[in-house]
N, C-alpha and C. Protein backbone atom coordinates (compact mmCIF):
# COMPACT_ATOMS: atom_id res chain seq x y z
N MET A 1 -6.55 4.23 5.41
CA MET A 1 -6.32 2.85 5.09
C MET A 1 -5.76 2.12 6.29
N GLY A 2 -5.61 0.83 6.16
CA GLY A 2 -5.06 0.01 7.21
C GLY A 2 -3.68 -0.48 6.84
N ILE A 3 -3.22 -1.46 7.56
CA ILE A 3 -1.86 -1.94 7.38
C ILE A 3 -1.65 -2.62 6.03
N VAL A 4 -2.60 -3.39 5.55
CA VAL A 4 -2.47 -4.06 4.25
C VAL A 4 -2.61 -3.04 3.12
N GLY A 5 -3.60 -2.16 3.22
CA GLY A 5 -3.79 -1.13 2.19
C GLY A 5 -2.60 -0.20 2.08
N ASP A 6 -2.04 0.20 3.22
CA ASP A 6 -0.86 1.06 3.20
C ASP A 6 0.33 0.36 2.58
N SER A 7 0.48 -0.92 2.87
CA SER A 7 1.59 -1.67 2.30
C SER A 7 1.46 -1.81 0.78
N LEU A 8 0.24 -2.02 0.31
CA LEU A 8 0.02 -2.08 -1.14
C LEU A 8 0.33 -0.73 -1.79
N GLU A 9 -0.04 0.34 -1.11
CA GLU A 9 0.22 1.69 -1.63
C GLU A 9 1.73 1.97 -1.68
N ARG A 10 2.46 1.59 -0.63
CA ARG A 10 3.92 1.78 -0.62
C ARG A 10 4.59 0.98 -1.73
N ALA A 11 4.09 -0.22 -1.98
CA ALA A 11 4.66 -1.05 -3.04
C ALA A 11 4.48 -0.40 -4.40
N ALA A 12 3.32 0.19 -4.61
CA ALA A 12 3.07 0.87 -5.89
C ALA A 12 3.93 2.12 -6.02
N GLN A 13 4.13 2.84 -4.92
CA GLN A 13 4.93 4.07 -4.96
C GLN A 13 6.40 3.78 -5.21
N ALA A 14 6.83 2.57 -4.90
CA ALA A 14 8.24 2.22 -5.10
C ALA A 14 8.59 2.12 -6.58
N HIS A 15 7.60 2.04 -7.44
CA HIS A 15 7.83 1.94 -8.88
C HIS A 15 7.72 3.32 -9.51
N SER A 16 8.81 4.04 -9.50
CA SER A 16 8.82 5.32 -10.19
C SER A 16 10.09 5.39 -11.02
N THR A 17 10.01 6.13 -12.10
CA THR A 17 11.15 6.23 -12.99
C THR A 17 12.00 7.45 -12.69
N ARG A 18 11.44 8.40 -11.95
CA ARG A 18 12.17 9.61 -11.57
C ARG A 18 11.94 9.88 -10.09
N PRO A 19 12.92 10.50 -9.43
CA PRO A 19 12.70 10.85 -8.02
C PRO A 19 11.74 12.03 -7.90
N ILE A 20 11.10 12.13 -6.73
CA ILE A 20 10.20 13.25 -6.51
C ILE A 20 11.01 14.53 -6.39
N PRO A 21 10.40 15.70 -6.58
CA PRO A 21 11.13 16.97 -6.42
C PRO A 21 11.73 17.06 -5.02
N LYS A 22 12.93 17.63 -4.93
CA LYS A 22 13.65 17.68 -3.65
C LYS A 22 13.25 18.86 -2.78
N SER A 23 13.22 20.06 -3.34
CA SER A 23 13.00 21.26 -2.51
C SER A 23 11.52 21.40 -2.18
N ALA A 24 11.28 22.12 -1.08
CA ALA A 24 9.90 22.37 -0.66
C ALA A 24 9.15 23.19 -1.69
N GLY A 25 9.83 24.16 -2.29
CA GLY A 25 9.20 24.99 -3.32
C GLY A 25 8.78 24.17 -4.53
N ALA A 26 9.66 23.29 -4.99
CA ALA A 26 9.35 22.45 -6.14
C ALA A 26 8.20 21.49 -5.82
N GLN A 27 8.21 20.93 -4.61
CA GLN A 27 7.13 20.04 -4.21
C GLN A 27 5.80 20.79 -4.14
N MET A 28 5.84 22.01 -3.61
CA MET A 28 4.62 22.81 -3.51
C MET A 28 4.11 23.20 -4.90
N ARG A 29 5.01 23.56 -5.80
CA ARG A 29 4.59 23.89 -7.17
C ARG A 29 3.95 22.68 -7.84
N TYR A 30 4.49 21.50 -7.59
CA TYR A 30 3.92 20.29 -8.14
C TYR A 30 2.49 20.08 -7.62
N LEU A 31 2.31 20.25 -6.32
CA LEU A 31 0.97 20.08 -5.74
C LEU A 31 -0.01 21.10 -6.30
N VAL A 32 0.44 22.34 -6.46
CA VAL A 32 -0.44 23.38 -7.02
C VAL A 32 -0.81 23.02 -8.45
N LYS A 33 0.16 22.52 -9.20
CA LYS A 33 -0.12 22.10 -10.58
C LYS A 33 -1.13 20.95 -10.61
N GLN A 34 -0.99 20.01 -9.69
CA GLN A 34 -1.91 18.88 -9.62
C GLN A 34 -3.33 19.32 -9.26
N HIS A 35 -3.45 20.42 -8.56
CA HIS A 35 -4.77 20.95 -8.19
C HIS A 35 -5.19 22.09 -9.11
N LYS A 36 -4.70 22.05 -10.33
CA LYS A 36 -5.09 22.98 -11.40
C LYS A 36 -4.88 24.44 -11.01
N GLY A 37 -3.76 24.71 -10.34
CA GLY A 37 -3.40 26.07 -10.00
C GLY A 37 -4.07 26.63 -8.76
N SER A 38 -4.78 25.83 -8.04
CA SER A 38 -5.51 26.31 -6.87
C SER A 38 -4.65 26.21 -5.61
N THR A 39 -4.11 27.35 -5.19
CA THR A 39 -3.34 27.36 -3.95
C THR A 39 -4.26 27.16 -2.75
N LYS A 40 -5.51 27.55 -2.90
CA LYS A 40 -6.48 27.38 -1.82
C LYS A 40 -6.71 25.89 -1.53
N ALA A 41 -6.85 25.09 -2.58
CA ALA A 41 -7.06 23.65 -2.41
C ALA A 41 -5.85 22.98 -1.77
N VAL A 42 -4.65 23.39 -2.16
CA VAL A 42 -3.43 22.83 -1.57
C VAL A 42 -3.33 23.22 -0.10
N ALA A 43 -3.67 24.47 0.20
CA ALA A 43 -3.64 24.94 1.59
C ALA A 43 -4.60 24.12 2.45
N ALA A 44 -5.79 23.86 1.95
CA ALA A 44 -6.76 23.05 2.69
C ALA A 44 -6.27 21.62 2.86
N LEU A 45 -5.62 21.09 1.83
CA LEU A 45 -5.08 19.73 1.88
C LEU A 45 -4.01 19.59 2.95
N LEU A 46 -3.15 20.60 3.07
CA LEU A 46 -2.02 20.53 3.99
C LEU A 46 -2.30 21.13 5.36
N GLY A 47 -3.42 21.83 5.48
CA GLY A 47 -3.76 22.44 6.75
C GLY A 47 -2.95 23.69 7.07
N ILE A 48 -2.63 24.45 6.03
CA ILE A 48 -1.88 25.71 6.20
C ILE A 48 -2.64 26.81 5.47
N SER A 49 -2.17 28.05 5.58
CA SER A 49 -2.86 29.15 4.93
C SER A 49 -2.50 29.22 3.44
N GLN A 50 -3.39 29.82 2.70
CA GLN A 50 -3.17 29.98 1.26
C GLN A 50 -1.94 30.85 1.01
N ARG A 51 -1.75 31.87 1.83
CA ARG A 51 -0.59 32.75 1.69
C ARG A 51 0.72 31.99 1.89
N THR A 52 0.72 31.04 2.83
CA THR A 52 1.91 30.24 3.05
C THR A 52 2.24 29.39 1.82
N VAL A 53 1.22 28.83 1.21
CA VAL A 53 1.43 28.06 -0.03
C VAL A 53 2.03 28.97 -1.10
N GLU A 54 1.50 30.15 -1.25
CA GLU A 54 2.01 31.09 -2.26
C GLU A 54 3.46 31.46 -1.97
N ARG A 55 3.83 31.59 -0.71
CA ARG A 55 5.21 31.91 -0.37
C ARG A 55 6.15 30.74 -0.68
N TYR A 56 5.70 29.52 -0.49
CA TYR A 56 6.52 28.36 -0.88
C TYR A 56 6.68 28.31 -2.39
N VAL A 57 5.62 28.57 -3.12
CA VAL A 57 5.66 28.53 -4.59
C VAL A 57 6.67 29.55 -5.13
N LYS A 58 6.73 30.73 -4.50
CA LYS A 58 7.65 31.78 -4.93
C LYS A 58 9.05 31.63 -4.32
N ASP A 59 9.29 30.56 -3.60
CA ASP A 59 10.55 30.30 -2.91
C ASP A 59 10.91 31.36 -1.89
N GLN A 60 9.90 32.00 -1.30
CA GLN A 60 10.14 32.94 -0.21
C GLN A 60 10.36 32.19 1.10
N ILE A 61 9.81 31.00 1.21
CA ILE A 61 10.08 30.12 2.34
C ILE A 61 10.81 28.91 1.76
N LYS A 62 11.94 28.58 2.35
CA LYS A 62 12.76 27.49 1.81
C LYS A 62 12.61 26.18 2.57
N ARG A 63 12.46 26.28 3.91
CA ARG A 63 12.45 25.07 4.73
C ARG A 63 11.20 25.00 5.60
N PRO A 64 10.37 24.01 5.33
CA PRO A 64 9.16 23.86 6.16
C PRO A 64 9.51 23.20 7.49
N ARG A 65 8.66 23.40 8.49
CA ARG A 65 8.86 22.71 9.76
C ARG A 65 8.67 21.20 9.52
N ALA A 66 9.14 20.42 10.45
CA ALA A 66 9.22 18.96 10.25
C ALA A 66 7.86 18.32 9.93
N GLY A 67 6.82 18.66 10.66
CA GLY A 67 5.51 18.06 10.42
C GLY A 67 4.97 18.39 9.05
N LEU A 68 5.12 19.65 8.66
CA LEU A 68 4.63 20.08 7.35
C LEU A 68 5.46 19.46 6.23
N ALA A 69 6.77 19.35 6.43
CA ALA A 69 7.62 18.74 5.41
C ALA A 69 7.18 17.31 5.13
N GLY A 70 6.85 16.57 6.17
CA GLY A 70 6.37 15.19 6.01
C GLY A 70 5.05 15.12 5.27
N ARG A 71 4.13 16.05 5.58
CA ARG A 71 2.82 16.05 4.89
C ARG A 71 2.98 16.42 3.43
N ILE A 72 3.84 17.40 3.14
CA ILE A 72 4.07 17.80 1.74
C ILE A 72 4.63 16.63 0.96
N GLU A 73 5.67 15.99 1.50
CA GLU A 73 6.30 14.87 0.81
C GLU A 73 5.32 13.71 0.61
N ALA A 74 4.52 13.42 1.62
CA ALA A 74 3.54 12.33 1.51
C ALA A 74 2.52 12.60 0.41
N GLU A 75 2.05 13.84 0.31
CA GLU A 75 1.07 14.19 -0.73
C GLU A 75 1.69 14.14 -2.12
N VAL A 76 2.95 14.57 -2.23
CA VAL A 76 3.63 14.50 -3.53
C VAL A 76 3.82 13.04 -3.92
N ARG A 77 4.28 12.20 -3.00
CA ARG A 77 4.49 10.77 -3.30
C ARG A 77 3.19 10.10 -3.71
N ARG A 78 2.10 10.48 -3.06
CA ARG A 78 0.81 9.86 -3.38
C ARG A 78 0.38 10.16 -4.81
N ARG A 79 0.78 11.30 -5.32
CA ARG A 79 0.35 11.72 -6.66
C ARG A 79 1.43 11.54 -7.74
N TRP A 80 2.63 11.16 -7.35
CA TRP A 80 3.76 11.12 -8.26
C TRP A 80 3.67 9.96 -9.23
N GLN A 81 3.78 10.24 -10.51
CA GLN A 81 3.79 9.27 -11.61
C GLN A 81 2.67 8.23 -11.51
N PRO A 82 1.43 8.65 -11.61
CA PRO A 82 0.33 7.69 -11.48
C PRO A 82 0.28 6.65 -12.59
N LEU A 83 0.70 6.99 -13.79
CA LEU A 83 0.65 6.01 -14.88
C LEU A 83 1.70 4.93 -14.70
N VAL A 84 2.87 5.27 -14.17
CA VAL A 84 3.90 4.28 -13.91
C VAL A 84 3.42 3.31 -12.84
N ARG A 85 2.81 3.83 -11.77
CA ARG A 85 2.27 2.97 -10.73
C ARG A 85 1.14 2.09 -11.26
N LYS A 86 0.30 2.66 -12.10
CA LYS A 86 -0.81 1.89 -12.66
C LYS A 86 -0.30 0.73 -13.51
N ARG A 87 0.73 0.99 -14.33
CA ARG A 87 1.30 -0.08 -15.14
C ARG A 87 1.92 -1.18 -14.27
N ALA A 88 2.60 -0.79 -13.20
CA ALA A 88 3.21 -1.79 -12.31
C ALA A 88 2.13 -2.64 -11.64
N ARG A 89 1.04 -2.00 -11.21
CA ARG A 89 -0.06 -2.75 -10.59
C ARG A 89 -0.72 -3.69 -11.59
N GLU A 90 -0.93 -3.22 -12.82
CA GLU A 90 -1.54 -4.07 -13.84
C GLU A 90 -0.65 -5.26 -14.17
N LYS A 91 0.66 -5.02 -14.24
CA LYS A 91 1.59 -6.11 -14.52
C LYS A 91 1.55 -7.15 -13.40
N ALA A 92 1.51 -6.68 -12.15
CA ALA A 92 1.43 -7.60 -11.02
C ALA A 92 0.13 -8.40 -11.04
N ALA A 93 -0.97 -7.74 -11.42
CA ALA A 93 -2.27 -8.41 -11.43
C ALA A 93 -2.41 -9.41 -12.57
N LYS A 94 -1.67 -9.20 -13.66
CA LYS A 94 -1.85 -10.06 -14.83
C LYS A 94 -0.69 -10.98 -15.13
N GLN A 95 0.54 -10.61 -14.68
CA GLN A 95 1.69 -11.41 -15.09
C GLN A 95 2.56 -11.89 -13.94
N THR A 96 3.03 -10.99 -13.10
CA THR A 96 4.08 -11.35 -12.15
C THR A 96 3.59 -11.72 -10.76
N GLY A 97 2.48 -11.18 -10.32
CA GLY A 97 1.99 -11.44 -8.97
C GLY A 97 2.66 -10.51 -7.96
N LEU A 98 2.48 -10.83 -6.68
CA LEU A 98 3.01 -10.04 -5.57
C LEU A 98 3.84 -10.93 -4.66
N VAL A 99 4.73 -10.30 -3.92
CA VAL A 99 5.43 -11.00 -2.84
C VAL A 99 4.97 -10.37 -1.54
N ILE A 100 4.47 -11.19 -0.63
CA ILE A 100 4.02 -10.72 0.67
C ILE A 100 4.97 -11.26 1.73
N GLU A 101 5.50 -10.35 2.52
CA GLU A 101 6.29 -10.74 3.69
C GLU A 101 5.54 -10.23 4.90
N THR A 102 5.21 -11.12 5.80
CA THR A 102 4.41 -10.73 6.96
C THR A 102 4.84 -11.48 8.21
N ARG A 103 4.63 -10.83 9.32
CA ARG A 103 4.74 -11.48 10.62
C ARG A 103 3.39 -11.25 11.29
N ALA A 104 2.63 -12.32 11.44
CA ALA A 104 1.26 -12.20 11.94
C ALA A 104 0.86 -13.49 12.64
N ARG A 105 -0.28 -13.42 13.29
CA ARG A 105 -0.84 -14.59 13.94
C ARG A 105 -1.77 -15.27 12.95
N PHE A 106 -1.53 -16.54 12.72
CA PHE A 106 -2.36 -17.33 11.82
C PHE A 106 -3.15 -18.32 12.64
N GLY A 107 -4.46 -18.27 12.50
CA GLY A 107 -5.34 -19.23 13.15
C GLY A 107 -5.90 -20.16 12.09
N PHE A 108 -6.26 -21.38 12.48
CA PHE A 108 -6.66 -22.38 11.50
C PHE A 108 -7.96 -23.05 11.91
N THR A 109 -8.72 -23.44 10.92
CA THR A 109 -9.83 -24.35 11.09
C THR A 109 -9.43 -25.57 10.28
N ALA A 110 -9.19 -26.67 10.97
CA ALA A 110 -8.63 -27.84 10.29
C ALA A 110 -9.39 -29.10 10.72
N ALA A 111 -8.97 -30.21 10.19
CA ALA A 111 -9.59 -31.50 10.48
C ALA A 111 -9.42 -31.85 11.96
N PRO A 112 -10.34 -32.65 12.50
CA PRO A 112 -10.22 -33.05 13.91
C PRO A 112 -8.90 -33.77 14.16
N GLY A 113 -8.35 -33.53 15.34
CA GLY A 113 -7.09 -34.19 15.69
C GLY A 113 -5.86 -33.36 15.37
N THR A 114 -6.04 -32.24 14.69
CA THR A 114 -4.91 -31.37 14.39
C THR A 114 -5.02 -30.12 15.24
N THR A 115 -3.94 -29.42 15.39
CA THR A 115 -3.94 -28.22 16.20
C THR A 115 -4.53 -27.05 15.42
N ASP A 116 -5.36 -26.27 16.08
CA ASP A 116 -5.91 -25.08 15.44
C ASP A 116 -5.53 -23.83 16.23
N ASP A 117 -4.56 -23.96 17.13
CA ASP A 117 -4.10 -22.81 17.90
C ASP A 117 -3.34 -21.85 17.00
N GLY A 118 -3.74 -20.59 17.08
CA GLY A 118 -3.04 -19.59 16.30
C GLY A 118 -1.68 -19.31 16.88
N ARG A 119 -0.71 -19.03 16.04
CA ARG A 119 0.61 -18.67 16.52
C ARG A 119 1.26 -17.70 15.55
N MET A 120 2.21 -16.95 16.06
CA MET A 120 2.92 -15.97 15.23
C MET A 120 3.83 -16.71 14.26
N ARG A 121 3.80 -16.27 13.03
CA ARG A 121 4.67 -16.83 11.99
C ARG A 121 5.21 -15.69 11.14
N ARG A 122 6.40 -15.88 10.65
CA ARG A 122 6.97 -14.96 9.68
C ARG A 122 6.99 -15.70 8.34
N ILE A 123 6.28 -15.14 7.38
CA ILE A 123 6.13 -15.81 6.08
C ILE A 123 6.50 -14.83 4.97
N THR A 124 7.27 -15.30 4.03
CA THR A 124 7.52 -14.57 2.79
C THR A 124 7.05 -15.49 1.67
N GLN A 125 6.06 -15.03 0.91
CA GLN A 125 5.45 -15.90 -0.09
C GLN A 125 5.08 -15.11 -1.34
N HIS A 126 5.32 -15.70 -2.48
CA HIS A 126 4.88 -15.13 -3.75
C HIS A 126 3.42 -15.49 -3.98
N LEU A 127 2.59 -14.50 -4.23
CA LEU A 127 1.19 -14.75 -4.59
C LEU A 127 1.08 -14.66 -6.10
N PRO A 128 0.52 -15.68 -6.74
CA PRO A 128 0.39 -15.65 -8.19
C PRO A 128 -0.58 -14.55 -8.64
N PRO A 129 -0.57 -14.22 -9.93
CA PRO A 129 -1.39 -13.12 -10.45
C PRO A 129 -2.88 -13.24 -10.13
N GLU A 130 -3.43 -14.45 -10.05
CA GLU A 130 -4.86 -14.58 -9.77
C GLU A 130 -5.22 -13.99 -8.39
N TYR A 131 -4.38 -14.23 -7.38
CA TYR A 131 -4.64 -13.66 -6.05
C TYR A 131 -4.22 -12.20 -5.99
N ALA A 132 -3.10 -11.88 -6.64
CA ALA A 132 -2.64 -10.48 -6.66
C ALA A 132 -3.67 -9.59 -7.33
N GLY A 133 -4.23 -10.05 -8.43
CA GLY A 133 -5.25 -9.28 -9.14
C GLY A 133 -6.48 -9.04 -8.29
N ARG A 134 -6.92 -10.07 -7.57
CA ARG A 134 -8.09 -9.91 -6.70
C ARG A 134 -7.81 -8.93 -5.57
N LEU A 135 -6.61 -9.00 -5.00
CA LEU A 135 -6.24 -8.11 -3.90
C LEU A 135 -6.15 -6.66 -4.37
N LEU A 136 -5.52 -6.43 -5.51
CA LEU A 136 -5.39 -5.08 -6.04
C LEU A 136 -6.73 -4.52 -6.51
N ALA A 137 -7.56 -5.36 -7.12
CA ALA A 137 -8.88 -4.91 -7.55
C ALA A 137 -9.75 -4.54 -6.34
N ALA A 138 -9.63 -5.30 -5.28
CA ALA A 138 -10.40 -5.00 -4.07
C ALA A 138 -9.94 -3.67 -3.47
N GLN A 139 -8.64 -3.42 -3.48
CA GLN A 139 -8.14 -2.14 -2.97
C GLN A 139 -8.66 -0.99 -3.82
N ASP A 140 -8.65 -1.16 -5.14
CA ASP A 140 -9.16 -0.12 -6.03
C ASP A 140 -10.66 0.12 -5.82
N ALA A 141 -11.38 -0.94 -5.46
CA ALA A 141 -12.82 -0.81 -5.22
C ALA A 141 -13.12 -0.16 -3.88
N GLY A 142 -12.10 -0.02 -3.03
CA GLY A 142 -12.29 0.65 -1.75
C GLY A 142 -12.88 -0.22 -0.66
N VAL A 143 -12.55 -1.51 -0.68
CA VAL A 143 -13.08 -2.40 0.36
C VAL A 143 -12.41 -2.09 1.70
N THR A 144 -12.95 -2.64 2.76
CA THR A 144 -12.43 -2.40 4.10
C THR A 144 -11.11 -3.14 4.32
N GLU A 145 -10.41 -2.72 5.35
CA GLU A 145 -9.15 -3.36 5.71
C GLU A 145 -9.36 -4.83 6.06
N GLY A 146 -10.44 -5.16 6.71
CA GLY A 146 -10.73 -6.55 7.06
C GLY A 146 -10.87 -7.44 5.83
N GLU A 147 -11.50 -6.89 4.79
CA GLU A 147 -11.65 -7.67 3.56
C GLU A 147 -10.31 -7.83 2.85
N LEU A 148 -9.45 -6.81 2.89
CA LEU A 148 -8.11 -6.94 2.31
C LEU A 148 -7.31 -8.01 3.06
N GLN A 149 -7.43 -8.02 4.39
CA GLN A 149 -6.74 -9.04 5.18
C GLN A 149 -7.26 -10.43 4.86
N ALA A 150 -8.57 -10.55 4.66
CA ALA A 150 -9.16 -11.85 4.32
C ALA A 150 -8.66 -12.34 2.97
N LEU A 151 -8.55 -11.43 2.00
CA LEU A 151 -8.04 -11.81 0.67
C LEU A 151 -6.57 -12.22 0.75
N ALA A 152 -5.78 -11.49 1.53
CA ALA A 152 -4.37 -11.85 1.70
C ALA A 152 -4.26 -13.21 2.38
N ALA A 153 -5.11 -13.45 3.40
CA ALA A 153 -5.10 -14.74 4.09
C ALA A 153 -5.49 -15.87 3.14
N GLU A 154 -6.46 -15.62 2.28
CA GLU A 154 -6.87 -16.65 1.32
C GLU A 154 -5.74 -16.97 0.35
N GLY A 155 -5.04 -15.94 -0.11
CA GLY A 155 -3.91 -16.18 -1.00
C GLY A 155 -2.80 -16.95 -0.32
N LEU A 156 -2.48 -16.59 0.92
CA LEU A 156 -1.46 -17.34 1.67
C LEU A 156 -1.93 -18.75 1.98
N GLN A 157 -3.21 -18.90 2.25
CA GLN A 157 -3.77 -20.23 2.53
C GLN A 157 -3.54 -21.15 1.34
N GLU A 158 -3.84 -20.68 0.16
CA GLU A 158 -3.75 -21.53 -1.03
C GLU A 158 -2.31 -21.75 -1.49
N THR A 159 -1.46 -20.73 -1.39
CA THR A 159 -0.11 -20.88 -1.93
C THR A 159 0.89 -21.40 -0.90
N TYR A 160 0.77 -20.99 0.35
CA TYR A 160 1.75 -21.40 1.37
C TYR A 160 1.28 -22.63 2.14
N PHE A 161 0.11 -22.55 2.74
CA PHE A 161 -0.33 -23.63 3.61
C PHE A 161 -0.84 -24.85 2.84
N LYS A 162 -1.57 -24.63 1.76
CA LYS A 162 -2.10 -25.76 0.99
C LYS A 162 -1.19 -26.13 -0.17
N ASP A 163 -0.19 -25.33 -0.42
CA ASP A 163 0.80 -25.59 -1.47
C ASP A 163 0.13 -25.86 -2.82
N GLY A 164 -0.78 -24.98 -3.18
CA GLY A 164 -1.46 -25.10 -4.47
C GLY A 164 -2.43 -26.26 -4.54
N GLY A 165 -2.95 -26.71 -3.40
CA GLY A 165 -3.93 -27.80 -3.39
C GLY A 165 -3.33 -29.18 -3.22
N THR A 166 -2.03 -29.29 -2.97
CA THR A 166 -1.40 -30.60 -2.84
C THR A 166 -1.43 -31.15 -1.42
N ARG A 167 -1.79 -30.31 -0.42
CA ARG A 167 -1.86 -30.80 0.96
C ARG A 167 -2.85 -29.97 1.76
N ALA A 168 -3.19 -30.44 2.93
CA ALA A 168 -4.07 -29.74 3.88
C ALA A 168 -5.38 -29.32 3.23
N GLN A 169 -6.11 -30.29 2.71
CA GLN A 169 -7.30 -30.00 1.91
C GLN A 169 -8.38 -29.21 2.64
N GLY A 170 -8.70 -29.53 3.88
CA GLY A 170 -9.80 -28.88 4.58
C GLY A 170 -9.39 -27.66 5.39
N LEU A 171 -8.18 -27.19 5.22
CA LEU A 171 -7.64 -26.11 6.04
C LEU A 171 -8.21 -24.76 5.64
N LEU A 172 -8.65 -23.98 6.63
CA LEU A 172 -9.06 -22.60 6.43
C LEU A 172 -8.17 -21.74 7.30
N VAL A 173 -7.56 -20.71 6.72
CA VAL A 173 -6.59 -19.88 7.42
C VAL A 173 -7.20 -18.52 7.69
N GLU A 174 -6.94 -18.02 8.91
CA GLU A 174 -7.39 -16.69 9.29
C GLU A 174 -6.17 -15.88 9.70
N LEU A 175 -6.05 -14.69 9.15
CA LEU A 175 -4.91 -13.82 9.41
C LEU A 175 -5.35 -12.76 10.42
N THR A 176 -4.77 -12.78 11.62
CA THR A 176 -5.11 -11.81 12.65
C THR A 176 -3.84 -11.28 13.28
N ASP A 177 -3.97 -10.22 14.04
CA ASP A 177 -2.87 -9.68 14.82
C ASP A 177 -1.62 -9.48 13.96
N ILE A 178 -1.73 -8.69 12.90
CA ILE A 178 -0.61 -8.46 12.01
C ILE A 178 0.39 -7.55 12.69
N ASP A 179 1.62 -8.04 12.83
CA ASP A 179 2.69 -7.25 13.42
C ASP A 179 3.31 -6.34 12.35
N CYS A 180 3.61 -6.92 11.21
CA CYS A 180 4.11 -6.12 10.07
C CYS A 180 3.77 -6.87 8.79
N ILE A 181 3.65 -6.09 7.72
CA ILE A 181 3.42 -6.68 6.41
C ILE A 181 4.04 -5.77 5.36
N GLU A 182 4.77 -6.35 4.44
CA GLU A 182 5.36 -5.62 3.33
C GLU A 182 4.98 -6.35 2.04
N VAL A 183 4.55 -5.59 1.07
CA VAL A 183 4.16 -6.16 -0.21
C VAL A 183 5.14 -5.64 -1.26
N GLY A 184 5.59 -6.52 -2.11
CA GLY A 184 6.47 -6.15 -3.22
C GLY A 184 5.79 -6.43 -4.53
N ILE A 185 5.82 -5.43 -5.40
CA ILE A 185 5.23 -5.58 -6.74
C ILE A 185 6.32 -5.86 -7.72
């Protein structure tokens, strides 16, 4: 994924009702359970041997090396409480919307006589459910990062720059050179 897709994923992962398992053995057992008992599939996922996975499951190895610990935790977080994340995403798409905080370069196509030079801006804006739903549905459909950025730019264009259609009627906003973006569900 890209920067917008990763931010949407982090926002969904933030909605959990229980913390992820703490120990490496518990995390490995969870991954094995998610893969229907296949230690071979977990080993392929993490890039380690099947025997190493079995040793973690039996608590024969307690502490993974730093790189492996990060991969294990990332895979557990990605799979942790999918129904809770799904409900949070559906609520954002239908009721509450999203909050986007970004620092990026915004370029404009505007009426003659106005400036269209792109410049870095830091914006924190609530996107209503209609734009949040389109953005989340596009992510679920597996669109490219460029299309996610275009949808985010369209939402910011309508809610921030055009203020819901009350100003800047002919303005078209382009979101480029994203420095950082955080999405809150």
